[in-house]
C-alpha atoms as a PDB file:
ATOM      1  CA  UNK A   1      14.285  68.387  -3.616  1.00  0.00           C
ATOM      2  CA  UNK A   2      14.305  67.208  -0.074  1.00  0.00           C
ATOM      3  CA  UNK A   3      15.977  63.996   0.964  1.00  0.00           C
ATOM      4  CA  UNK A   4      13.857  61.774   3.126  1.00  0.00           C
ATOM      5  CA  UNK A   5      15.552  59.941   5.862  1.00  0.00           C
ATOM      6  CA  UNK A   6      14.066  56.712   7.184  1.00  0.00           C
ATOM      7  CA  UNK A   7      15.327  55.243  10.384  1.00  0.00           C
ATOM      8  CA  UNK A   8      15.070  51.510  10.834  1.00  0.00           C
ATOM      9  CA  UNK A   9      16.233  49.839  13.957  1.00  0.00           C
ATOM     10  CA  UNK A  10      18.358  46.706  13.788  1.00  0.00           C
ATOM     11  CA  UNK A  11      15.401  44.603  14.940  1.00  0.00           C
ATOM     12  CA  UNK A  12      13.115  46.076  12.284  1.00  0.00           C
ATOM     13  CA  UNK A  13      15.814  45.476   9.674  1.00  0.00           C
ATOM     14  CA  UNK A  14      16.184  41.843  10.767  1.00  0.00           C
ATOM     15  CA  UNK A  15      12.412  41.310  10.689  1.00  0.00           C
ATOM     16  CA  UNK A  16      12.100  42.842   7.220  1.00  0.00           C
ATOM     17  CA  UNK A  17      14.985  40.820   5.798  1.00  0.00           C
ATOM     18  CA  UNK A  18      13.993  37.531   7.432  1.00  0.00           C
ATOM     19  CA  UNK A  19      10.249  37.767   6.705  1.00  0.00           C
ATOM     20  CA  UNK A  20      10.585  36.559   3.089  1.00  0.00           C
ATOM     21  CA  UNK A  21      12.690  33.611   4.267  1.00  0.00           C
ATOM     22  CA  UNK A  22      10.081  32.581   6.824  1.00  0.00           C
ATOM     23  CA  UNK A  23       7.262  32.971   4.289  1.00  0.00           C
ATOM     24  CA  UNK A  24       9.174  30.843   1.770  1.00  0.00           C
ATOM     25  CA  UNK A  25       9.825  28.151   4.411  1.00  0.00           C
ATOM     26  CA  UNK A  26       6.161  28.082   5.422  1.00  0.00           C
ATOM     27  CA  UNK A  27       5.027  27.744   1.799  1.00  0.00           C
ATOM     28  CA  UNK A  28       7.568  24.992   1.183  1.00  0.00           C
ATOM     29  CA  UNK A  29       6.422  23.132   4.287  1.00  0.00           C
ATOM     30  CA  UNK A  30       2.786  23.352   3.196  1.00  0.00           C
ATOM     31  CA  UNK A  31       3.705  21.950  -0.234  1.00  0.00           C
ATOM     32  CA  UNK A  32       5.615  19.079   1.394  1.00  0.00           C
ATOM     33  CA  UNK A  33       2.646  18.277   3.623  1.00  0.00           C
ATOM     34  CA  UNK A  34       0.306  18.287   0.618  1.00  0.00           C
ATOM     35  CA  UNK A  35       2.678  15.973  -1.290  1.00  0.00           C
ATOM     36  CA  UNK A  36       2.890  13.608   1.693  1.00  0.00           C
ATOM     37  CA  UNK A  37      -0.909  13.499   1.953  1.00  0.00           C
ATOM     38  CA  UNK A  38      -1.155  12.613  -1.737  1.00  0.00           C
ATOM     39  CA  UNK A  39       1.396   9.809  -1.292  1.00  0.00           C
ATOM     40  CA  UNK A  40      -0.662   8.331   1.559  1.00  0.00           C
ATOM     41  CA  UNK A  41      -3.818   8.333  -0.543  1.00  0.00           C
ATOM     42  CA  UNK A  42      -4.401   5.014  -2.239  1.00  0.00           C
ATOM     43  CA  UNK A  43      -5.914   5.224  -5.711  1.00  0.00           C
ATOM     44  CA  UNK A  44      -7.117   1.717  -6.420  1.00  0.00           C
ATOM     45  CA  UNK A  45      -7.878   0.491  -9.931  1.00  0.00           C
ATOM     46  CA  UNK A  46     -11.494   0.112 -11.009  1.00  0.00           C
ATOM     47  CA  UNK A  47     -12.717  -3.417 -10.399  1.00  0.00           C
ATOM     48  CA  UNK A  48     -13.131  -5.432 -13.604  1.00  0.00           C
ATOM     49  CA  UNK A  49     -12.859  -8.826 -11.918  1.00  0.00           C
ATOM     50  CA  UNK A  50     -14.018  -9.991  -8.513  1.00  0.00           C
ATOM     51  CA  UNK A  51     -10.466 -10.205  -7.131  1.00  0.00           C
ATOM     52  CA  UNK A  52     -10.009  -6.454  -7.681  1.00  0.00           C
ATOM     53  CA  UNK A  53     -13.324  -5.752  -5.969  1.00  0.00           C
ATOM     54  CA  UNK A  54     -12.103  -7.790  -2.979  1.00  0.00           C
ATOM     55  CA  UNK A  55      -8.809  -5.839  -2.899  1.00  0.00           C
ATOM     56  CA  UNK A  56     -10.647  -2.503  -2.989  1.00  0.00           C
ATOM     57  CA  UNK A  57     -13.079  -3.540  -0.221  1.00  0.00           C
ATOM     58  CA  UNK A  58     -10.274  -4.924   1.945  1.00  0.00           C
ATOM     59  CA  UNK A  59      -8.215  -1.743   1.612  1.00  0.00           C
ATOM     60  CA  UNK A  60     -11.245   0.331   2.597  1.00  0.00           C
ATOM     61  CA  UNK A  61     -11.838  -1.845   5.672  1.00  0.00           C
ATOM     62  CA  UNK A  62      -8.225  -1.994   6.892  1.00  0.00           C
ATOM     63  CA  UNK A  63      -6.511   1.343   7.482  1.00  0.00           C
ATOM     64  CA  UNK A  64      -3.353  -0.432   8.698  1.00  0.00           C
ATOM     65  CA  UNK A  65      -2.682  -1.639   5.137  1.00  0.00           C
ATOM     66  CA  UNK A  66      -0.737   0.516   2.700  1.00  0.00           C
ATOM     67  CA  UNK A  67      -0.657  -2.043  -0.111  1.00  0.00           C
ATOM     68  CA  UNK A  68      -2.492  -5.208  -1.114  1.00  0.00           C
ATOM     69  CA  UNK A  69      -2.385  -7.572  -4.051  1.00  0.00           C
ATOM     70  CA  UNK A  70      -3.788 -10.951  -5.024  1.00  0.00           C
ATOM     71  CA  UNK A  71      -1.719 -13.353  -7.133  1.00  0.00           C
ATOM     72  CA  UNK A  72      -3.026 -16.565  -8.628  1.00  0.00           C
ATOM     73  CA  UNK A  73      -2.504 -19.148 -11.323  1.00  0.00           C
ATOM     74  CA  UNK A  74      -5.129 -18.643 -14.022  1.00  0.00           C
ATOM     75  CA  UNK A  75      -6.991 -21.917 -14.599  1.00  0.00           C
ATOM     76  CA  UNK A  76      -6.307 -21.810 -18.360  1.00  0.00           C
ATOM     77  CA  UNK A  77      -2.817 -20.252 -18.478  1.00  0.00           C
ATOM     78  CA  UNK A  78      -0.785 -22.194 -15.880  1.00  0.00           C
ATOM     79  CA  UNK A  79       1.151 -19.022 -14.996  1.00  0.00           C
ATOM     80  CA  UNK A  80       1.151 -17.211 -11.667  1.00  0.00           C
ATOM     81  CA  UNK A  81       0.580 -13.454 -11.955  1.00  0.00           C
ATOM     82  CA  UNK A  82      -0.798 -10.585  -9.903  1.00  0.00           C
ATOM     83  CA  UNK A  83      -4.483 -10.390 -10.803  1.00  0.00           C
ATOM     84  CA  UNK A  84      -5.579  -7.565  -8.477  1.00  0.00           C
ATOM     85  CA  UNK A  85      -3.636  -4.808  -6.739  1.00  0.00           C
ATOM     86  CA  UNK A  86      -3.762  -1.400  -5.117  1.00  0.00           C
ATOM     87  CA  UNK A  87      -1.498  -0.285  -7.988  1.00  0.00           C
ATOM     88  CA  UNK A  88      -2.589  -0.563 -11.615  1.00  0.00           C
ATOM     89  CA  UNK A  89       1.014  -1.180 -12.706  1.00  0.00           C
ATOM     90  CA  UNK A  90       1.284  -4.223 -10.446  1.00  0.00           C
ATOM     91  CA  UNK A  91      -1.458  -6.132 -12.234  1.00  0.00           C
ATOM     92  CA  UNK A  92      -0.031  -8.729 -14.612  1.00  0.00           C
ATOM     93  CA  UNK A  93       3.379  -9.024 -12.921  1.00  0.00           C
ATOM     94  CA  UNK A  94       4.710 -12.563 -12.629  1.00  0.00           C
ATOM     95  CA  UNK A  95       4.830 -14.084  -9.161  1.00  0.00           C
ATOM     96  CA  UNK A  96       8.139 -13.883  -7.336  1.00  0.00           C
ATOM     97  CA  UNK A  97       9.954 -16.569  -5.358  1.00  0.00           C
ATOM     98  CA  UNK A  98       8.260 -15.602  -2.071  1.00  0.00           C
ATOM     99  CA  UNK A  99       4.808 -16.128  -3.589  1.00  0.00           C
ATOM    100  CA  UNK A 100       5.780 -19.506  -5.099  1.00  0.00           C
ATOM    101  CA  UNK A 101       7.186 -20.586  -1.725  1.00  0.00           C
ATOM    102  CA  UNK A 102       3.946 -19.657   0.066  1.00  0.00           C
ATOM    103  CA  UNK A 103       1.937 -21.509  -2.587  1.00  0.00           C
ATOM    104  CA  UNK A 104       4.126 -24.605  -2.199  1.00  0.00           C
ATOM    105  CA  UNK A 105       4.371 -24.679   1.615  1.00  0.00           C
ATOM    106  CA  UNK A 106       0.895 -23.257   2.395  1.00  0.00           C
ATOM    107  CA  UNK A 107       2.554 -21.082   5.069  1.00  0.00           C
ATOM    108  CA  UNK A 108       2.805 -17.286   5.389  1.00  0.00           C
ATOM    109  CA  UNK A 109       6.052 -15.465   4.730  1.00  0.00           C
ATOM    110  CA  UNK A 110       6.797 -12.130   6.440  1.00  0.00           C
ATOM    111  CA  UNK A 111       9.628  -9.936   5.239  1.00  0.00           C
ATOM    112  CA  UNK A 112      10.748  -6.565   6.617  1.00  0.00           C
ATOM    113  CA  UNK A 113      11.197  -4.150   3.728  1.00  0.00           C
ATOM    114  CA  UNK A 114      12.556  -0.622   3.501  1.00  0.00           C
ATOM    115  CA  UNK A 115      11.144   1.859   1.017  1.00  0.00           C
ATOM    116  CA  UNK A 116      11.611   5.644   1.029  1.00  0.00           C
ATOM    117  CA  UNK A 117      13.502   5.291   4.319  1.00  0.00           C
ATOM    118  CA  UNK A 118      10.544   3.605   6.055  1.00  0.00           C
ATOM    119  CA  UNK A 119      10.587   0.015   7.325  1.00  0.00           C
ATOM    120  CA  UNK A 120       7.430  -2.061   7.040  1.00  0.00           C
ATOM    121  CA  UNK A 121       6.335  -5.684   6.813  1.00  0.00           C
ATOM    122  CA  UNK A 122       5.458  -7.248   3.471  1.00  0.00           C
ATOM    123  CA  UNK A 123       3.585 -10.479   4.184  1.00  0.00           C
ATOM    124  CA  UNK A 124       2.501 -13.163   1.709  1.00  0.00           C
ATOM    125  CA  UNK A 125      -0.300 -15.466   2.854  1.00  0.00           C
ATOM    126  CA  UNK A 126      -2.149 -18.298   1.084  1.00  0.00           C
ATOM    127  CA  UNK A 127      -5.854 -17.976   0.272  1.00  0.00           C
ATOM    128  CA  UNK A 128      -7.852 -21.221   0.220  1.00  0.00           C
ATOM    129  CA  UNK A 129     -11.034 -22.193  -1.610  1.00  0.00           C
ATOM    130  CA  UNK A 130     -14.035 -23.853   0.063  1.00  0.00           C
ATOM    131  CA  UNK A 131     -12.210 -27.234  -0.131  1.00  0.00           C
ATOM    132  CA  UNK A 132      -9.064 -25.934   1.588  1.00  0.00           C
ATOM    133  CA  UNK A 133      -6.956 -25.839  -1.606  1.00  0.00           C
ATOM    134  CA  UNK A 134      -4.593 -22.881  -2.084  1.00  0.00           C
ATOM    135  CA  UNK A 135      -6.089 -20.787  -4.902  1.00  0.00           C
ATOM    136  CA  UNK A 136      -4.236 -17.498  -4.458  1.00  0.00           C
ATOM    137  CA  UNK A 137      -1.680 -15.563  -2.470  1.00  0.00           C
ATOM    138  CA  UNK A 138      -2.309 -12.189  -0.913  1.00  0.00           C
ATOM    139  CA  UNK A 139       0.576  -9.798  -0.481  1.00  0.00           C
ATOM    140  CA  UNK A 140      -0.052  -7.328   2.334  1.00  0.00           C
ATOM    141  CA  UNK A 141       2.140  -4.298   2.998  1.00  0.00           C
ATOM    142  CA  UNK A 142       1.467  -2.892   6.451  1.00  0.00           C
ATOM    143  CA  UNK A 143       1.973   0.757   7.269  1.00  0.00           C
ATOM    144  CA  UNK A 144       5.252   1.341   9.153  1.00  0.00           C
ATOM    145  CA  UNK A 145       4.888   0.503  12.837  1.00  0.00           C
ATOM    146  CA  UNK A 146       8.146   0.182  14.811  1.00  0.00           C
ATOM    147  CA  UNK A 147       6.366  -1.898  17.470  1.00  0.00           C
ATOM    148  CA  UNK A 148       5.057  -4.506  15.004  1.00  0.00           C
ATOM    149  CA  UNK A 149       6.863  -7.853  14.901  1.00  0.00           C
ATOM    150  CA  UNK A 150       7.028 -10.348  12.028  1.00  0.00           C
ATOM    151  CA  UNK A 151       4.726 -12.694  13.953  1.00  0.00           C
ATOM    152  CA  UNK A 152       2.169  -9.929  14.525  1.00  0.00           C
ATOM    153  CA  UNK A 153       2.277  -8.933  10.865  1.00  0.00           C
ATOM    154  CA  UNK A 154       1.836 -12.574   9.788  1.00  0.00           C
ATOM    155  CA  UNK A 155      -1.107 -13.025  12.181  1.00  0.00           C
ATOM    156  CA  UNK A 156      -2.785  -9.846  10.926  1.00  0.00           C
ATOM    157  CA  UNK A 157      -2.272 -10.894   7.285  1.00  0.00           C
ATOM    158  CA  UNK A 158      -3.704 -14.357   8.006  1.00  0.00           C
ATOM    159  CA  UNK A 159      -6.796 -12.726   9.501  1.00  0.00           C
ATOM    160  CA  UNK A 160      -7.187 -10.649   6.336  1.00  0.00           C
ATOM    161  CA  UNK A 161      -6.768 -13.822   4.251  1.00  0.00           C
ATOM    162  CA  UNK A 162      -9.599 -15.454   6.234  1.00  0.00           C
ATOM    163  CA  UNK A 163     -11.843 -12.485   5.467  1.00  0.00           C
ATOM    164  CA  UNK A 164     -11.015 -12.870   1.782  1.00  0.00           C
ATOM    165  CA  UNK A 165     -11.552 -16.655   1.898  1.00  0.00           C
ATOM    166  CA  UNK A 166     -15.075 -16.032   3.201  1.00  0.00           C
ATOM    167  CA  UNK A 167     -15.762 -14.146  -0.051  1.00  0.00           C
ATOM    168  CA  UNK A 168     -13.973 -16.512  -2.446  1.00  0.00           C
ATOM    169  CA  UNK A 169     -15.331 -20.039  -2.885  1.00  0.00           C
ATOM    170  CA  UNK A 170     -13.129 -20.989  -5.865  1.00  0.00           C
ATOM    171  CA  UNK A 171     -10.380 -19.862  -8.224  1.00  0.00           C
ATOM    172  CA  UNK A 172     -13.049 -19.129 -10.848  1.00  0.00           C
ATOM    173  CA  UNK A 173     -14.750 -16.676  -8.460  1.00  0.00           C
ATOM    174  CA  UNK A 174     -11.576 -14.539  -8.397  1.00  0.00           C
ATOM    175  CA  UNK A 175     -11.721 -14.073 -12.187  1.00  0.00           C
ATOM    176  CA  UNK A 176     -15.479 -13.463 -12.356  1.00  0.00           C
ATOM    177  CA  UNK A 177     -16.295 -10.173 -14.167  1.00  0.00           C
ATOM    178  CA  UNK A 178     -17.926  -7.425 -12.118  1.00  0.00           C
ATOM    179  CA  UNK A 179     -19.879  -4.435 -13.295  1.00  0.00           C
END
């Protein structure tokens, strides 16, 4: 039997030993990018009531929004809850203090929030019926923008509320079934 001798230079050895590491890193990076893209994708619930339809349409029209919900007091239940949201799990949650404050004062409330290491504005704004009465609160989460101020976020959310008000003439309209 003859022994075969293979000569590998130091550079070739380094390339051969490091290649699997680079391939693993590239695959890991691609998986992370795919996961990040999935996290950015908003999967809105199917509209069963008009308020959800409005949320879905508003999200589609405003790419600067990463989250949106509508909270209201049901005419027959006298309890404030989230009635439409970009997240199925959010629907039915009781209103928090910020929402009650906006309902009471009829003024927007902007709060800087941190989630997953990212800072963004969460703004609550009143929605009025055709008579000017507060019928709901929208909660708008804007995509992180380090240049955005609380005043800018509040102004943008108020503009979105006006768009919604143009579609909602009364509290009953929010709860109207859609097909």
